[in-house]
Protein backbone atom coordinates (compact mmCIF):
# COMPACT_ATOMS: atom_id res chain seq x y z
CA UNK A 1 81.54 80.49 109.19
CA UNK A 2 78.99 79.01 111.14
CA UNK A 3 75.58 77.99 111.49
CA UNK A 4 73.61 78.47 114.16
CA UNK A 5 73.23 74.71 115.16
CA UNK A 6 77.16 74.59 114.81
CA UNK A 7 77.38 77.00 117.13
CA UNK A 8 75.26 76.15 119.64
CA UNK A 9 77.17 72.71 119.81
CA UNK A 10 80.53 73.94 120.02
CA UNK A 11 79.25 75.67 123.30
CA UNK A 12 77.46 72.97 124.67
CA UNK A 13 80.71 70.82 123.89
CA UNK A 14 82.67 73.83 125.82
CA UNK A 15 84.78 74.64 122.31
CA UNK A 16 83.63 78.03 122.69
CA UNK A 17 82.64 79.76 126.36
CA UNK A 18 82.39 83.45 124.85
CA UNK A 19 79.90 84.59 122.01
CA UNK A 20 79.88 88.34 121.20
CA UNK A 21 76.54 89.42 120.29
CA UNK A 22 77.50 92.75 118.45
CA UNK A 23 75.80 95.68 116.42
CA UNK A 24 77.56 98.59 114.33
CA UNK A 25 77.15 102.05 116.11
CA UNK A 26 76.98 105.11 114.01
CA UNK A 27 80.57 105.73 114.13
CA UNK A 28 80.96 101.91 112.77
CA UNK A 29 82.38 100.73 116.32
CA UNK A 30 81.11 97.44 117.52
CA UNK A 31 78.67 97.43 120.48
CA UNK A 32 77.26 94.89 122.56
CA UNK A 33 77.45 91.94 124.66
CA UNK A 34 79.58 88.94 125.71
CA UNK A 35 77.39 85.80 126.29
CA UNK A 36 78.59 83.09 128.36
CA UNK A 37 78.29 79.97 125.96
CA UNK A 38 76.25 78.18 128.43
CA UNK A 39 73.67 80.84 128.06
CA UNK A 40 73.64 81.52 124.50
CA UNK A 41 72.66 77.84 123.58
CA UNK A 42 70.25 77.67 126.50
CA UNK A 43 68.78 81.03 125.65
CA UNK A 44 70.34 83.73 123.96
CA UNK A 45 70.37 82.22 120.91
CA UNK A 46 67.31 81.74 119.76
CA UNK A 47 65.89 85.38 120.84
CA UNK A 48 69.19 87.33 120.90
CA UNK A 49 69.70 90.01 123.68
CA UNK A 50 68.61 93.55 124.43
CA UNK A 51 70.69 96.64 125.00
CA UNK A 52 70.25 99.94 126.01
CA UNK A 53 69.00 102.44 122.83
CA UNK A 54 71.08 105.08 123.72
CA UNK A 55 73.86 103.55 122.13
CA UNK A 56 72.89 105.24 118.23
CA UNK A 57 72.45 108.90 120.56
CA UNK A 58 75.51 108.68 122.06
CA UNK A 59 78.57 110.64 120.79
CA UNK A 60 82.21 108.31 120.86
CA UNK A 61 82.99 109.25 124.75
CA UNK A 62 79.40 107.62 125.24
CA UNK A 63 77.72 110.92 126.29
CA UNK A 64 74.20 110.74 126.10
CA UNK A 65 73.25 113.19 123.15
CA UNK A 66 69.81 114.99 123.37
CA UNK A 67 67.97 116.56 120.25
CA UNK A 68 67.35 112.41 118.74
CA UNK A 69 63.97 111.59 118.07
CA UNK A 70 64.76 107.69 118.71
CA UNK A 71 65.43 108.09 122.52
CA UNK A 72 66.21 110.70 125.33
CA UNK A 73 66.00 110.81 129.34
CA UNK A 74 62.54 112.21 128.38
CA UNK A 75 61.81 108.93 126.68
CA UNK A 76 63.73 106.77 129.56
CA UNK A 77 66.15 105.52 127.70
CA UNK A 78 64.75 102.16 127.20
CA UNK A 79 66.02 99.05 125.29
CA UNK A 80 66.11 97.97 121.79
CA UNK A 81 66.58 94.16 120.31
CA UNK A 82 69.81 92.74 119.57
CA UNK A 83 68.26 90.14 117.07
CA UNK A 84 71.59 87.66 115.56
CA UNK A 85 71.70 87.76 111.95
CA UNK A 86 73.31 83.91 111.47
CA UNK A 87 74.95 84.49 108.25
CA UNK A 88 77.88 86.96 110.16
CA UNK A 89 78.62 83.97 112.92
CA UNK A 90 82.12 83.17 113.11
CA UNK A 91 84.93 82.35 115.46
CA UNK A 92 86.96 85.29 116.44
CA UNK A 93 90.92 83.08 116.31
CA UNK A 94 92.64 85.72 118.47
CA UNK A 95 90.32 85.67 121.38
CA UNK A 96 90.57 82.19 123.19
CA UNK A 97 86.59 79.92 122.53
CA UNK A 98 85.20 83.16 121.43
CA UNK A 99 82.88 83.46 118.92
CA UNK A 100 80.90 86.51 117.27
CA UNK A 101 77.24 87.20 115.51
CA UNK A 102 76.49 90.31 114.61
CA UNK A 103 72.69 91.92 114.63
CA UNK A 104 70.20 93.60 113.55
CA UNK A 105 68.21 95.92 115.70
CA UNK A 106 64.55 95.73 116.72
CA UNK A 107 62.03 97.54 118.97
CA UNK A 108 60.29 95.93 121.54
CA UNK A 109 57.23 95.53 118.79
CA UNK A 110 59.45 94.36 116.11
CA UNK A 111 60.00 96.73 114.09
CA UNK A 112 63.04 97.45 112.03
CA UNK A 113 65.25 100.53 113.66
CA UNK A 114 65.61 103.05 110.91
CA UNK A 115 68.68 104.74 111.89
CA UNK A 116 70.87 101.75 112.70
CA UNK A 117 74.07 101.50 110.00
CA UNK A 118 73.17 98.08 108.91
CA UNK A 119 69.48 98.94 108.36
CA UNK A 120 69.89 102.13 106.49
CA UNK A 121 72.41 100.16 104.14
CA UNK A 122 69.98 97.04 103.53
CA UNK A 123 67.24 99.72 102.68
CA UNK A 124 69.32 100.96 99.66
CA UNK A 125 70.37 97.36 98.93
CA UNK A 126 66.44 96.79 98.87
CA UNK A 127 66.14 99.59 96.47
CA UNK A 128 68.79 98.47 94.30
CA UNK A 129 67.28 95.28 94.14
CA UNK A 130 64.15 96.17 92.62
CA UNK A 131 65.57 97.99 89.43
CA UNK A 132 67.60 94.23 89.39
CA UNK A 133 70.89 95.46 90.62
CA UNK A 134 73.52 93.92 92.74
CA UNK A 135 76.30 95.75 93.86
CA UNK A 136 79.78 94.65 94.59
CA UNK A 137 82.30 96.30 96.69
CA UNK A 138 85.80 96.29 97.57
CA UNK A 139 87.48 97.99 100.99
CA UNK A 140 91.09 99.25 100.62
CA UNK A 141 92.44 100.60 104.21
CA UNK A 142 94.89 102.24 105.58
CA UNK A 143 95.79 102.47 109.06
CA UNK A 144 99.38 103.90 110.88
CA UNK A 145 101.23 101.64 113.19
CA UNK A 146 102.87 103.25 116.36
CA UNK A 147 105.81 101.29 118.75
CA UNK A 148 103.61 102.87 121.93
CA UNK A 149 100.74 100.85 123.47
CA UNK A 150 97.56 102.32 123.77
CA UNK A 151 98.12 103.33 126.99
CA UNK A 152 101.54 105.07 126.64
CA UNK A 153 99.94 106.89 123.78
CA UNK A 154 97.04 107.99 126.15
CA UNK A 155 100.22 108.73 128.70
CA UNK A 156 101.37 111.03 126.08
CA UNK A 157 98.20 112.97 125.27
CA UNK A 158 98.62 110.84 121.64
CA UNK A 159 101.57 113.82 120.82
CA UNK A 160 105.36 112.29 119.88
CA UNK A 161 104.48 108.82 119.45
CA UNK A 162 106.67 106.53 117.52
CA UNK A 163 105.40 105.04 114.60
CA UNK A 164 106.67 101.33 113.30
CA UNK A 165 108.47 103.45 110.77
CA UNK A 166 110.83 106.12 110.33
CA UNK A 167 110.50 106.84 106.10
CA UNK A 168 107.66 106.93 103.64
CA UNK A 169 107.52 102.90 103.08
CA UNK A 170 105.21 103.13 100.16
CA UNK A 171 105.78 99.51 98.64
CA UNK A 172 108.86 99.10 100.39
CA UNK A 173 109.49 95.29 101.55
CA UNK A 174 112.35 96.02 103.51
CA UNK A 175 110.08 98.44 105.61
CA UNK A 176 107.15 96.38 105.70
CA UNK A 177 109.18 92.97 107.03
CA UNK A 178 109.68 95.09 110.35
CA UNK A 179 106.01 95.31 110.50
CA UNK A 180 105.26 91.89 109.35
CA UNK A 181 104.77 90.90 113.27
CA UNK A 182 101.67 92.64 113.35
CA UNK A 183 100.49 92.83 109.98
CA UNK A 184 101.00 89.15 109.47
CA UNK A 185 99.28 88.74 112.22
CA UNK A 186 95.86 90.39 111.33
CA UNK A 187 96.21 89.16 107.85
CA UNK A 188 96.10 85.41 108.51
CA UNK A 189 93.51 85.62 111.97
CA UNK A 190 91.40 88.22 109.52
CA UNK A 191 91.18 85.36 107.42
CA UNK A 192 91.03 82.48 109.96
CA UNK A 193 87.73 84.69 110.76
CA UNK A 194 86.07 84.04 107.52
CA UNK A 195 87.69 87.43 106.49
CA UNK A 196 89.05 87.26 103.11
CA UNK A 197 92.06 89.48 102.64
CA UNK A 198 93.77 90.39 99.56
CA UNK A 199 97.44 91.82 100.39
CA UNK A 200 98.89 94.33 102.29
CA UNK A 201 101.51 96.91 101.42
CA UNK A 202 103.93 99.97 102.83
CA UNK A 203 101.93 102.79 102.42
CA UNK A 204 102.82 106.75 102.08
CA UNK A 205 103.25 107.36 105.72
CA UNK A 206 105.63 106.47 108.85
CA UNK A 207 104.41 103.10 109.93
CA UNK A 208 101.60 103.51 108.03
CA UNK A 209 100.12 100.03 105.95
CA UNK A 210 97.65 99.49 103.43
CA UNK A 211 95.23 95.97 104.22
CA UNK A 212 92.64 95.17 101.01
CA UNK A 213 89.72 92.92 101.57
CA UNK A 214 88.21 91.08 98.57
CA UNK A 215 85.19 92.80 97.35
CA UNK A 216 81.77 90.92 97.47
CA UNK A 217 78.24 92.42 98.50
CA UNK A 218 77.26 95.38 100.23
CA UNK A 219 76.08 94.50 104.10
CA UNK A 220 79.00 91.64 103.87
CA UNK A 221 81.63 93.70 102.49
CA UNK A 222 80.65 96.26 105.06
CA UNK A 223 80.51 93.43 108.15
CA UNK A 224 83.96 92.62 106.93
CA UNK A 225 85.66 96.28 107.15
CA UNK A 226 84.05 96.73 110.77
CA UNK A 227 85.33 93.24 111.70
CA UNK A 228 88.89 94.03 110.36
CA UNK A 229 88.96 97.46 111.86
CA UNK A 230 88.01 95.98 115.54
CA UNK A 231 90.82 93.04 114.90
CA UNK A 232 93.37 95.16 114.15
CA UNK A 233 93.39 97.63 117.02
CA UNK A 234 92.72 94.34 119.36
CA UNK A 235 95.51 92.19 117.77
CA UNK A 236 97.90 95.44 118.03
CA UNK A 237 96.92 95.57 121.63
CA UNK A 238 97.86 92.18 122.06
CA UNK A 239 101.13 92.68 120.01
CA UNK A 240 102.05 95.53 122.16
CA UNK A 241 101.95 98.48 119.31
CA UNK A 242 98.80 100.44 118.58
CA UNK A 243 96.73 100.94 115.68
CA UNK A 244 95.04 103.76 114.35
CA UNK A 245 91.87 104.44 111.67
CA UNK A 246 92.25 108.59 112.08
CA UNK A 247 91.82 110.04 108.78
CA UNK A 248 94.88 112.41 109.68
CA UNK A 249 96.68 111.33 113.04
CA UNK A 250 99.25 114.08 111.81
CA UNK A 251 99.66 116.83 109.74
CA UNK A 252 103.63 115.83 109.05
CA UNK A 253 102.24 112.98 107.11
CA UNK A 254 99.74 111.68 104.86
CA UNK A 255 96.09 110.66 106.03
CA UNK A 256 94.62 107.26 105.67
CA UNK A 257 91.94 106.42 103.16
CA UNK A 258 89.23 103.94 102.96
CA UNK A 259 88.86 103.67 98.70
CA UNK A 260 86.02 102.45 98.48
CA UNK A 261 85.24 100.00 94.69
CA UNK A 262 81.77 99.97 93.33
CA UNK A 263 80.34 98.17 90.42
CA UNK A 264 76.87 97.08 89.62
CA UNK A 265 75.86 93.41 88.06
CA UNK A 266 72.53 91.41 87.16
CA UNK A 267 71.62 89.17 89.98
CA UNK A 268 73.76 86.20 88.71
CA UNK A 269 77.04 88.45 88.92
CA UNK A 270 77.65 87.55 85.27
CA UNK A 271 77.02 91.14 83.62
CA UNK A 272 78.78 94.28 84.75
CA UNK A 273 75.94 96.87 84.00
CA UNK A 274 79.05 99.79 83.91
CA UNK A 275 80.35 98.36 80.68
CA UNK A 276 79.06 98.04 77.72
CA UNK A 277 80.17 94.67 76.07
CA UNK A 278 79.08 95.30 73.06
CA UNK A 279 80.76 98.11 72.10
CA UNK A 280 83.43 97.15 74.47
CA UNK A 281 82.92 100.35 76.42
CA UNK A 282 81.60 101.91 79.13
CA UNK A 283 77.79 101.74 79.34
CA UNK A 284 75.36 104.33 79.43
CA UNK A 285 74.43 102.88 82.68
CA UNK A 286 78.46 104.05 84.09
CA UNK A 287 77.69 107.26 82.77
CA UNK A 288 74.92 108.06 84.71
CA UNK A 289 76.37 106.59 87.62
CA UNK A 290 79.61 108.80 87.87
CA UNK A 291 77.28 111.87 87.15
CA UNK A 292 75.61 110.74 90.31
CA UNK A 293 78.34 109.96 92.23
CA UNK A 294 79.79 113.40 91.62
CA UNK A 295 76.35 115.22 91.83
CA UNK A 296 75.92 113.99 95.61
CA UNK A 297 79.56 113.96 96.75
CA UNK A 298 79.13 117.00 98.68
CA UNK A 299 75.57 116.58 99.26
CA UNK A 300 76.49 112.96 101.02
CA UNK A 301 79.66 113.61 103.01
CA UNK A 302 78.64 113.42 106.22
CA UNK A 303 78.48 109.35 105.18
CA UNK A 304 82.27 109.73 103.24
CA UNK A 305 83.76 111.71 106.02
CA UNK A 306 82.50 111.83 109.80
CA UNK A 307 84.73 113.67 111.92
CA UNK A 308 86.49 116.68 112.52
CA UNK A 309 89.13 115.50 111.45
CA UNK A 310 88.16 114.02 108.65
CA UNK A 311 88.32 117.18 106.44
CA UNK A 312 92.16 117.30 107.48
CA UNK A 313 93.34 114.67 105.26
CA UNK A 314 91.81 116.46 101.69
CA UNK A 315 95.49 118.07 100.82
CA UNK A 316 96.39 118.70 97.66
CA UNK A 317 99.46 116.57 96.67
CA UNK A 318 98.69 113.67 99.57
CA UNK A 319 96.63 111.60 97.53
CA UNK A 320 93.76 112.50 99.16
CA UNK A 321 90.94 114.49 96.71
CA UNK A 322 90.65 118.01 96.85
CA UNK A 323 88.47 118.44 94.01
CA UNK A 324 85.34 116.42 92.60
CA UNK A 325 86.28 114.66 89.02
CA UNK A 326 86.93 111.50 87.68
CA UNK A 327 89.80 110.29 85.58
CA UNK A 328 91.03 106.89 84.25
CA UNK A 329 93.60 106.08 86.45
CA UNK A 330 93.84 108.66 87.51
CA UNK A 331 94.77 109.53 91.76
CA UNK A 332 94.67 113.24 91.70
CA UNK A 333 90.79 112.99 91.68
CA UNK A 334 88.17 112.43 94.00
CA UNK A 335 86.96 109.34 91.23
CA UNK A 336 89.00 106.87 89.81
CA UNK A 337 88.16 104.87 87.31
CA UNK A 338 89.86 100.95 86.76
CA UNK A 339 89.51 97.95 85.30
CA UNK A 340 88.05 96.62 81.93
CA UNK A 341 85.20 94.25 81.09
CA UNK A 342 84.02 92.55 83.98
CA UNK A 343 86.26 94.18 86.56
CA UNK A 344 84.96 97.59 85.60
CA UNK A 345 84.58 99.94 88.42
CA UNK A 346 84.53 103.21 89.65
CA UNK A 347 86.82 103.75 92.89
CA UNK A 348 85.50 106.31 95.19
CA UNK A 349 88.70 108.23 96.98
CA UNK A 350 86.92 110.95 99.15
CA UNK A 351 86.30 108.23 102.30
CA UNK A 352 88.71 108.78 104.81
CA UNK A 353 89.63 105.63 107.65
CA UNK A 354 87.09 106.78 109.73
CA UNK A 355 84.41 106.44 107.73
CA UNK A 356 81.59 103.99 108.52
CA UNK A 357 81.47 101.25 105.64
CA UNK A 358 77.25 101.08 106.26
CA UNK A 359 77.08 104.72 105.25
CA UNK A 360 79.46 104.82 103.05
CA UNK A 361 78.13 102.19 100.69
CA UNK A 362 74.93 103.12 101.56
CA UNK A 363 75.64 106.44 100.41
CA UNK A 364 77.60 104.76 97.11
CA UNK A 365 74.30 102.97 96.51
CA UNK A 366 72.08 106.20 96.52
CA UNK A 367 74.39 108.34 94.50
CA UNK A 368 74.58 105.94 91.27
CA UNK A 369 70.60 105.27 91.79
CA UNK A 370 70.21 109.33 91.84
CA UNK A 371 72.24 109.71 88.48
CA UNK A 372 70.07 106.78 87.33
CA UNK A 373 66.47 108.43 88.24
CA UNK A 374 67.38 112.26 87.11
CA UNK A 375 68.69 110.68 83.91
CA UNK A 376 72.26 112.47 84.57
CA UNK A 377 74.41 111.91 81.49
CA UNK A 378 77.99 111.25 81.84
CA UNK A 379 80.22 114.36 82.29
CA UNK A 380 83.60 114.54 80.83
CA UNK A 381 86.70 112.77 82.43
CA UNK A 382 89.37 115.12 83.93
CA UNK A 383 92.98 114.47 82.31
CA UNK A 384 96.15 115.96 84.42
CA UNK A 385 96.88 117.20 87.87
CA UNK A 386 93.14 117.90 89.14
CA UNK A 387 94.52 119.73 92.39
CA UNK A 388 95.82 122.35 90.73
CA UNK A 389 93.16 122.30 87.66
CA UNK A 390 90.40 125.57 87.80
CA UNK A 391 86.74 125.19 87.34
CA UNK A 392 86.51 121.69 89.40
CA UNK A 393 83.94 121.36 92.46
CA UNK A 394 85.43 121.27 95.75
CA UNK A 395 85.22 118.82 98.36
CA UNK A 396 83.64 120.14 101.63
CA UNK A 397 86.34 121.49 103.70
CA UNK A 398 85.06 121.37 107.03
CA UNK A 399 82.48 118.87 108.63
CA UNK A 400 80.49 122.57 109.40
CA UNK A 401 79.92 122.74 105.75
CA UNK A 402 79.54 118.95 105.08
CA UNK A 403 76.49 119.50 107.99
CA UNK A 404 75.47 122.11 105.64
CA UNK A 405 75.16 120.33 102.58
CA UNK A 406 73.88 117.25 103.73
CA UNK A 407 70.94 120.10 105.74
CA UNK A 408 69.57 121.41 102.26
CA UNK A 409 70.19 118.57 100.61
CA UNK A 410 66.56 117.02 98.84
CA UNK A 411 68.35 114.08 97.19
CA UNK A 412 69.90 112.45 100.77
CA UNK A 413 66.31 113.43 102.82
CA UNK A 414 64.37 111.46 99.34
CA UNK A 415 67.60 108.81 99.79
CA UNK A 416 67.69 108.02 102.80
CA UNK A 417 63.99 109.56 104.82
CA UNK A 418 63.28 112.39 107.03
CA UNK A 419 63.92 110.09 109.83
CA UNK A 420 67.99 109.05 108.68
CA UNK A 421 68.65 112.58 107.75
CA UNK A 422 67.57 113.88 111.23
CA UNK A 423 69.27 112.13 113.22
CA UNK A 424 72.71 112.42 111.28
CA UNK A 425 71.84 115.86 110.97
CA UNK A 426 72.22 115.74 114.90
CA UNK A 427 75.22 114.05 115.63
CA UNK A 428 76.99 116.16 113.19
CA UNK A 429 76.15 119.34 115.22
CA UNK A 430 76.75 117.11 118.14
CA UNK A 431 80.33 117.12 116.86
CA UNK A 432 80.87 120.48 115.79
CA UNK A 433 79.43 121.37 119.67
CA UNK A 434 82.18 119.76 121.04
CA UNK A 435 85.08 120.66 119.26
CA UNK A 436 84.05 124.66 119.59
CA UNK A 437 83.92 124.42 122.88
CA UNK A 438 87.46 122.56 123.11
CA UNK A 439 91.00 124.38 123.74
CA UNK A 440 93.14 123.02 121.28
CA UNK A 441 97.01 122.50 121.54
CA UNK A 442 97.45 124.59 118.31
CA UNK A 443 95.59 127.74 120.42
CA UNK A 444 97.50 127.04 123.76
CA UNK A 445 100.80 127.59 121.59
CA UNK A 446 99.80 130.17 119.47
CA UNK A 447 98.19 132.47 122.26
CA UNK A 448 99.46 131.38 125.57
CA UNK A 449 102.36 133.65 126.28
CA UNK A 450 102.27 135.73 123.35
CA UNK A 451 98.69 137.72 123.62
């Protein structure tokens, strides 16, 4: 990691000639500018840079979407200010002489932009801090790797791609060796960029890998998470292969998850509030946090599963959850409890690899706090196969259902505020409008000749 002064010095010495000023958009992608080292040292280091505010109102095709309060054609699509957070400054080792600094967003008047994902997470962290809680979170992220380059995949219409593995490789070291030329590079380059990696393993799909990041505070974890996804895709491109974090790139394969681990500590990280040391058992706070997580899982689904494709991952007996329950080390439930004592934590298995980590972590904190504030009691632990159990609440089956849950949720409005609530509802509705107009391959294959 770099300090502001150290980065300026590297720029003046010519050891860094490019500085990426970046921020996460609604999808968790890094957007921003490449600044020359000289201009960064002379000017941008002190005041940041400007970017068009439409970047928090566009879809993934960069289409300016109307209906947002933040900005529009009527408001002239003005700028917001990218304010460097030098706690995030680091070298980007897979890019020559390049450093990166993540930014917060502010209006020209210096006010925060409340719909910015980083700001949404900061607001929930602040809520927790007022109660004396310090969250610790960790990301387990799955991805698929293909022999096709991005250009080749695009030319094929993303059909009939050749995965780096041709059989399910869950924990299979031999197949992992065949993929090490890219996965090892991802692990090592992330470590060099200040993103501590615990390890990697083959997953339950062809060419599917999981890379686990070391747990830390939510904002730092989200920053590491988006840099990991960004780096994994760039490194894969450099190696002549492609990587995708789609939740469900193939109906024939398992989907890719973002298993979200969370615990709650005191400010010194010496006490885990989920565990009662005197009783050597889960605490009452664990019970309310778990109850809040289950109660809010559908309401907050937009923050765990943001795309049309997200909901196709929820298939029975695929290690993705279909029903909302909790169990001790039970991978069929939406929430799996693992660890003991200081490591006791809740693993949320609902988010897909396509989730924006800032929003997913914010939803996790909000759900825990909801359970405590409402005095919710520990729900019964589920034992057995949740996929085929009766009487359990199901995850939303579609983005449309998730949007209805979010729209009707008084808890979502209370936790995130009316401005954020309306903004992300508009994003979901736009994605649905685009999909409803699309003619899919399934429709062509089913109807073209036979109807």
